[in-house]
PDB file of N, CA and C in Angstrom:
ATOM      1  N   UNK A   1      -4.125  14.295  12.878  1.00  0.00           N
ATOM      2  CA  UNK A   1      -4.352  13.861  11.514  1.00  0.00           C
ATOM      3  C   UNK A   1      -4.712  12.377  11.506  1.00  0.00           C
ATOM      4  N   UNK A   2      -5.632  12.004  10.656  1.00  0.00           N
ATOM      5  CA  UNK A   2      -6.063  10.614  10.550  1.00  0.00           C
ATOM      6  C   UNK A   2      -4.959   9.761   9.938  1.00  0.00           C
ATOM      7  N   UNK A   3      -4.971   8.485  10.285  1.00  0.00           N
ATOM      8  CA  UNK A   3      -3.972   7.555   9.757  1.00  0.00           C
ATOM      9  C   UNK A   3      -4.661   6.329   9.194  1.00  0.00           C
ATOM     10  N   UNK A   4      -3.955   5.639   8.302  1.00  0.00           N
ATOM     11  CA  UNK A   4      -4.469   4.424   7.672  1.00  0.00           C
ATOM     12  C   UNK A   4      -3.529   3.264   7.963  1.00  0.00           C
ATOM     13  N   UNK A   5      -4.086   2.114   8.322  1.00  0.00           N
ATOM     14  CA  UNK A   5      -3.322   0.872   8.412  1.00  0.00           C
ATOM     15  C   UNK A   5      -3.391   0.208   7.050  1.00  0.00           C
ATOM     16  N   UNK A   6      -2.242  -0.049   6.452  1.00  0.00           N
ATOM     17  CA  UNK A   6      -2.192  -0.637   5.118  1.00  0.00           C
ATOM     18  C   UNK A   6      -1.425  -1.952   5.202  1.00  0.00           C
ATOM     19  N   UNK A   7      -2.035  -3.019   4.677  1.00  0.00           N
ATOM     20  CA  UNK A   7      -1.427  -4.346   4.717  1.00  0.00           C
ATOM     21  C   UNK A   7      -1.361  -4.913   3.306  1.00  0.00           C
ATOM     22  N   UNK A   8      -0.214  -5.476   2.932  1.00  0.00           N
ATOM     23  CA  UNK A   8      -0.046  -6.124   1.634  1.00  0.00           C
ATOM     24  C   UNK A   8      -0.590  -7.547   1.742  1.00  0.00           C
ATOM     25  N   UNK A   9      -1.631  -7.860   0.955  1.00  0.00           N
ATOM     26  CA  UNK A   9      -2.269  -9.173   1.059  1.00  0.00           C
ATOM     27  C   UNK A   9      -2.071 -10.042  -0.186  1.00  0.00           C
ATOM     28  N   UNK A  10      -1.540  -9.468  -1.254  1.00  0.00           N
ATOM     29  CA  UNK A  10      -1.254 -10.246  -2.457  1.00  0.00           C
ATOM     30  C   UNK A  10       0.202 -10.047  -2.859  1.00  0.00           C
ATOM     31  N   UNK A  11       0.756 -11.015  -3.558  1.00  0.00           N
ATOM     32  CA  UNK A  11       2.153 -11.009  -3.946  1.00  0.00           C
ATOM     33  C   UNK A  11       2.472  -9.927  -4.973  1.00  0.00           C
ATOM     34  N   UNK A  12       3.714  -9.459  -4.936  1.00  0.00           N
ATOM     35  CA  UNK A  12       4.202  -8.501  -5.925  1.00  0.00           C
ATOM     36  C   UNK A  12       4.827  -9.190  -7.138  1.00  0.00           C
ATOM     37  N   UNK A  13       4.958 -10.505  -7.084  1.00  0.00           N
ATOM     38  CA  UNK A  13       5.541 -11.246  -8.208  1.00  0.00           C
ATOM     39  C   UNK A  13       4.718 -11.065  -9.476  1.00  0.00           C
ATOM     40  N   UNK A  14       5.372 -10.730 -10.565  1.00  0.00           N
ATOM     41  CA  UNK A  14       4.710 -10.598 -11.846  1.00  0.00           C
ATOM     42  C   UNK A  14       3.945  -9.302 -12.038  1.00  0.00           C
ATOM     43  N   UNK A  15       4.041  -8.381 -11.090  1.00  0.00           N
ATOM     44  CA  UNK A  15       3.335  -7.101 -11.203  1.00  0.00           C
ATOM     45  C   UNK A  15       4.172  -6.113 -12.003  1.00  0.00           C
ATOM     46  N   UNK A  16       3.519  -5.054 -12.459  1.00  0.00           N
ATOM     47  CA  UNK A  16       4.222  -4.005 -13.177  1.00  0.00           C
ATOM     48  C   UNK A  16       5.273  -3.359 -12.262  1.00  0.00           C
ATOM     49  N   UNK A  17       6.374  -2.933 -12.859  1.00  0.00           N
ATOM     50  CA  UNK A  17       7.452  -2.313 -12.081  1.00  0.00           C
ATOM     51  C   UNK A  17       6.947  -1.086 -11.323  1.00  0.00           C
ATOM     52  N   UNK A  18       6.052  -0.335 -11.933  1.00  0.00           N
ATOM     53  CA  UNK A  18       5.500   0.856 -11.284  1.00  0.00           C
ATOM     54  C   UNK A  18       4.700   0.477 -10.037  1.00  0.00           C
ATOM     55  N   UNK A  19       3.985  -0.632 -10.096  1.00  0.00           N
ATOM     56  CA  UNK A  19       3.199  -1.080  -8.954  1.00  0.00           C
ATOM     57  C   UNK A  19       4.116  -1.574  -7.835  1.00  0.00           C
ATOM     58  N   UNK A  20       5.189  -2.269  -8.199  1.00  0.00           N
ATOM     59  CA  UNK A  20       6.166  -2.714  -7.198  1.00  0.00           C
ATOM     60  C   UNK A  20       6.806  -1.517  -6.509  1.00  0.00           C
ATOM     61  N   UNK A  21       7.145  -0.504  -7.293  1.00  0.00           N
ATOM     62  CA  UNK A  21       7.768   0.696  -6.738  1.00  0.00           C
ATOM     63  C   UNK A  21       6.812   1.438  -5.801  1.00  0.00           C
ATOM     64  N   UNK A  22       5.544   1.450  -6.144  1.00  0.00           N
ATOM     65  CA  UNK A  22       4.548   2.102  -5.292  1.00  0.00           C
ATOM     66  C   UNK A  22       4.430   1.370  -3.965  1.00  0.00           C
ATOM     67  N   UNK A  23       4.399   0.043  -3.996  1.00  0.00           N
ATOM     68  CA  UNK A  23       4.343  -0.750  -2.761  1.00  0.00           C
ATOM     69  C   UNK A  23       5.591  -0.484  -1.916  1.00  0.00           C
ATOM     70  N   UNK A  24       6.732  -0.430  -2.559  1.00  0.00           N
ATOM     71  CA  UNK A  24       7.990  -0.166  -1.861  1.00  0.00           C
ATOM     72  C   UNK A  24       7.963   1.218  -1.206  1.00  0.00           C
ATOM     73  N   UNK A  25       7.388   2.203  -1.892  1.00  0.00           N
ATOM     74  CA  UNK A  25       7.314   3.558  -1.336  1.00  0.00           C
ATOM     75  C   UNK A  25       6.408   3.623  -0.108  1.00  0.00           C
ATOM     76  N   UNK A  26       5.476   2.697  -0.010  1.00  0.00           N
ATOM     77  CA  UNK A  26       4.614   2.602   1.170  1.00  0.00           C
ATOM     78  C   UNK A  26       5.266   1.782   2.281  1.00  0.00           C
ATOM     79  N   UNK A  27       6.416   1.176   1.993  1.00  0.00           N
ATOM     80  CA  UNK A  27       7.111   0.367   2.990  1.00  0.00           C
ATOM     81  C   UNK A  27       6.659  -1.077   3.016  1.00  0.00           C
ATOM     82  N   UNK A  28       6.056  -1.545   1.914  1.00  0.00           N
ATOM     83  CA  UNK A  28       5.544  -2.919   1.825  1.00  0.00           C
ATOM     84  C   UNK A  28       6.427  -3.723   0.881  1.00  0.00           C
ATOM     85  N   UNK A  29       7.027  -4.798   1.401  1.00  0.00           N
ATOM     86  CA  UNK A  29       7.951  -5.586   0.587  1.00  0.00           C
ATOM     87  C   UNK A  29       7.482  -7.017   0.353  1.00  0.00           C
ATOM     88  N   UNK A  30       6.793  -7.591   1.356  1.00  0.00           N
ATOM     89  CA  UNK A  30       6.332  -8.968   1.197  1.00  0.00           C
ATOM     90  C   UNK A  30       4.944  -9.124   1.799  1.00  0.00           C
ATOM     91  N   UNK A  31       4.278 -10.195   1.445  1.00  0.00           N
ATOM     92  CA  UNK A  31       2.921 -10.439   1.918  1.00  0.00           C
ATOM     93  C   UNK A  31       2.898 -10.415   3.447  1.00  0.00           C
ATOM     94  N   UNK A  32       1.912  -9.720   3.984  1.00  0.00           N
ATOM     95  CA  UNK A  32       1.762  -9.632   5.429  1.00  0.00           C
ATOM     96  C   UNK A  32       2.383  -8.391   6.039  1.00  0.00           C
ATOM     97  N   UNK A  33       3.207  -7.671   5.280  1.00  0.00           N
ATOM     98  CA  UNK A  33       3.792  -6.432   5.790  1.00  0.00           C
ATOM     99  C   UNK A  33       2.683  -5.413   6.041  1.00  0.00           C
ATOM    100  N   UNK A  34       2.804  -4.699   7.142  1.00  0.00           N
ATOM    101  CA  UNK A  34       1.822  -3.687   7.517  1.00  0.00           C
ATOM    102  C   UNK A  34       2.540  -2.379   7.786  1.00  0.00           C
ATOM    103  N   UNK A  35       1.896  -1.290   7.421  1.00  0.00           N
ATOM    104  CA  UNK A  35       2.450   0.039   7.670  1.00  0.00           C
ATOM    105  C   UNK A  35       1.323   0.993   8.056  1.00  0.00           C
ATOM    106  N   UNK A  36       1.681   2.048   8.766  1.00  0.00           N
ATOM    107  CA  UNK A  36       0.736   3.103   9.121  1.00  0.00           C
ATOM    108  C   UNK A  36       1.151   4.345   8.350  1.00  0.00           C
ATOM    109  N   UNK A  37       0.229   4.884   7.567  1.00  0.00           N
ATOM    110  CA  UNK A  37       0.503   6.051   6.731  1.00  0.00           C
ATOM    111  C   UNK A  37      -0.518   7.141   7.031  1.00  0.00           C
ATOM    112  N   UNK A  38      -0.139   8.402   6.817  1.00  0.00           N
ATOM    113  CA  UNK A  38      -1.110   9.489   7.010  1.00  0.00           C
ATOM    114  C   UNK A  38      -2.193   9.434   5.937  1.00  0.00           C
ATOM    115  N   UNK A  39      -3.384   9.831   6.312  1.00  0.00           N
ATOM    116  CA  UNK A  39      -4.501   9.840   5.368  1.00  0.00           C
ATOM    117  C   UNK A  39      -4.485  11.172   4.614  1.00  0.00           C
ATOM    118  N   UNK A  40      -3.736  11.215   3.497  1.00  0.00           N
ATOM    119  CA  UNK A  40      -3.658  12.428   2.684  1.00  0.00           C
ATOM    120  C   UNK A  40      -3.782  12.063   1.204  1.00  0.00           C
ATOM    121  N   UNK A  41      -3.722  13.062   0.350  1.00  0.00           N
ATOM    122  CA  UNK A  41      -3.922  12.844  -1.080  1.00  0.00           C
ATOM    123  C   UNK A  41      -2.853  11.938  -1.689  1.00  0.00           C
ATOM    124  N   UNK A  42      -1.607  12.084  -1.279  1.00  0.00           N
ATOM    125  CA  UNK A  42      -0.523  11.272  -1.827  1.00  0.00           C
ATOM    126  C   UNK A  42      -0.730   9.791  -1.499  1.00  0.00           C
ATOM    127  N   UNK A  43      -1.060   9.515  -0.257  1.00  0.00           N
ATOM    128  CA  UNK A  43      -1.294   8.135   0.163  1.00  0.00           C
ATOM    129  C   UNK A  43      -2.520   7.560  -0.535  1.00  0.00           C
ATOM    130  N   UNK A  44      -3.577   8.345  -0.647  1.00  0.00           N
ATOM    131  CA  UNK A  44      -4.791   7.889  -1.324  1.00  0.00           C
ATOM    132  C   UNK A  44      -4.510   7.562  -2.788  1.00  0.00           C
ATOM    133  N   UNK A  45      -3.652   8.336  -3.439  1.00  0.00           N
ATOM    134  CA  UNK A  45      -3.294   8.073  -4.829  1.00  0.00           C
ATOM    135  C   UNK A  45      -2.548   6.759  -4.977  1.00  0.00           C
ATOM    136  N   UNK A  46      -1.643   6.475  -4.045  1.00  0.00           N
ATOM    137  CA  UNK A  46      -0.901   5.210  -4.065  1.00  0.00           C
ATOM    138  C   UNK A  46      -1.846   4.031  -3.853  1.00  0.00           C
ATOM    139  N   UNK A  47      -2.781   4.195  -2.934  1.00  0.00           N
ATOM    140  CA  UNK A  47      -3.762   3.140  -2.663  1.00  0.00           C
ATOM    141  C   UNK A  47      -4.635   2.907  -3.895  1.00  0.00           C
ATOM    142  N   UNK A  48      -5.007   3.978  -4.582  1.00  0.00           N
ATOM    143  CA  UNK A  48      -5.831   3.849  -5.791  1.00  0.00           C
ATOM    144  C   UNK A  48      -5.108   3.055  -6.866  1.00  0.00           C
ATOM    145  N   UNK A  49      -3.788   3.221  -6.958  1.00  0.00           N
ATOM    146  CA  UNK A  49      -3.012   2.525  -7.984  1.00  0.00           C
ATOM    147  C   UNK A  49      -2.878   1.031  -7.697  1.00  0.00           C
ATOM    148  N   UNK A  50      -2.617   0.670  -6.449  1.00  0.00           N
ATOM    149  CA  UNK A  50      -2.362  -0.745  -6.128  1.00  0.00           C
ATOM    150  C   UNK A  50      -3.357  -1.285  -5.103  1.00  0.00           C
ATOM    151  N   UNK A  51      -4.535  -0.743  -5.074  1.00  0.00           N
ATOM    152  CA  UNK A  51      -5.550  -1.165  -4.109  1.00  0.00           C
ATOM    153  C   UNK A  51      -5.917  -2.631  -4.195  1.00  0.00           C
ATOM    154  N   UNK A  52      -5.758  -3.215  -5.379  1.00  0.00           N
ATOM    155  CA  UNK A  52      -6.088  -4.632  -5.556  1.00  0.00           C
ATOM    156  C   UNK A  52      -5.108  -5.553  -4.831  1.00  0.00           C
ATOM    157  N   UNK A  53      -3.997  -5.002  -4.345  1.00  0.00           N
ATOM    158  CA  UNK A  53      -3.001  -5.777  -3.602  1.00  0.00           C
ATOM    159  C   UNK A  53      -3.083  -5.555  -2.088  1.00  0.00           C
ATOM    160  N   UNK A  54      -3.917  -4.606  -1.672  1.00  0.00           N
ATOM    161  CA  UNK A  54      -3.888  -4.125  -0.298  1.00  0.00           C
ATOM    162  C   UNK A  54      -5.168  -4.365   0.463  1.00  0.00           C
ATOM    163  N   UNK A  55      -5.024  -4.299   1.791  1.00  0.00           N
ATOM    164  CA  UNK A  55      -6.165  -4.226   2.703  1.00  0.00           C
ATOM    165  C   UNK A  55      -5.950  -2.956   3.507  1.00  0.00           C
ATOM    166  N   UNK A  56      -6.928  -2.053   3.482  1.00  0.00           N
ATOM    167  CA  UNK A  56      -6.779  -0.746   4.117  1.00  0.00           C
ATOM    168  C   UNK A  56      -7.847  -0.564   5.181  1.00  0.00           C
ATOM    169  N   UNK A  57      -7.410  -0.081   6.376  1.00  0.00           N
ATOM    170  CA  UNK A  57      -8.332   0.194   7.472  1.00  0.00           C
ATOM    171  C   UNK A  57      -8.006   1.570   8.053  1.00  0.00           C
ATOM    172  N   UNK A  58      -9.030   2.281   8.478  1.00  0.00           N
ATOM    173  CA  UNK A  58      -8.828   3.554   9.179  1.00  0.00           C
ATOM    174  C   UNK A  58      -8.363   3.261  10.587  1.00  0.00           C
ATOM    175  N   UNK A  59      -7.525   4.133  11.098  1.00  0.00           N
ATOM    176  CA  UNK A  59      -7.022   3.945  12.449  1.00  0.00           C
ATOM    177  C   UNK A  59      -7.749   4.845  13.391  1.00  0.00           C
TER     178      UNK A  59
END
């Protein structure tokens, strides 16, 4: 299965609570945190919601 490298590049300060919770569900807590997630519909939906805070690369 394909995987995605996801990195938090913008701060969560002042963001909507739902957006903070989405970042937390991806395992991202502070700027520079990186995680590897499976490339599936659930992950794509999370990226669509907070994509403006992230940098995403295919693995």
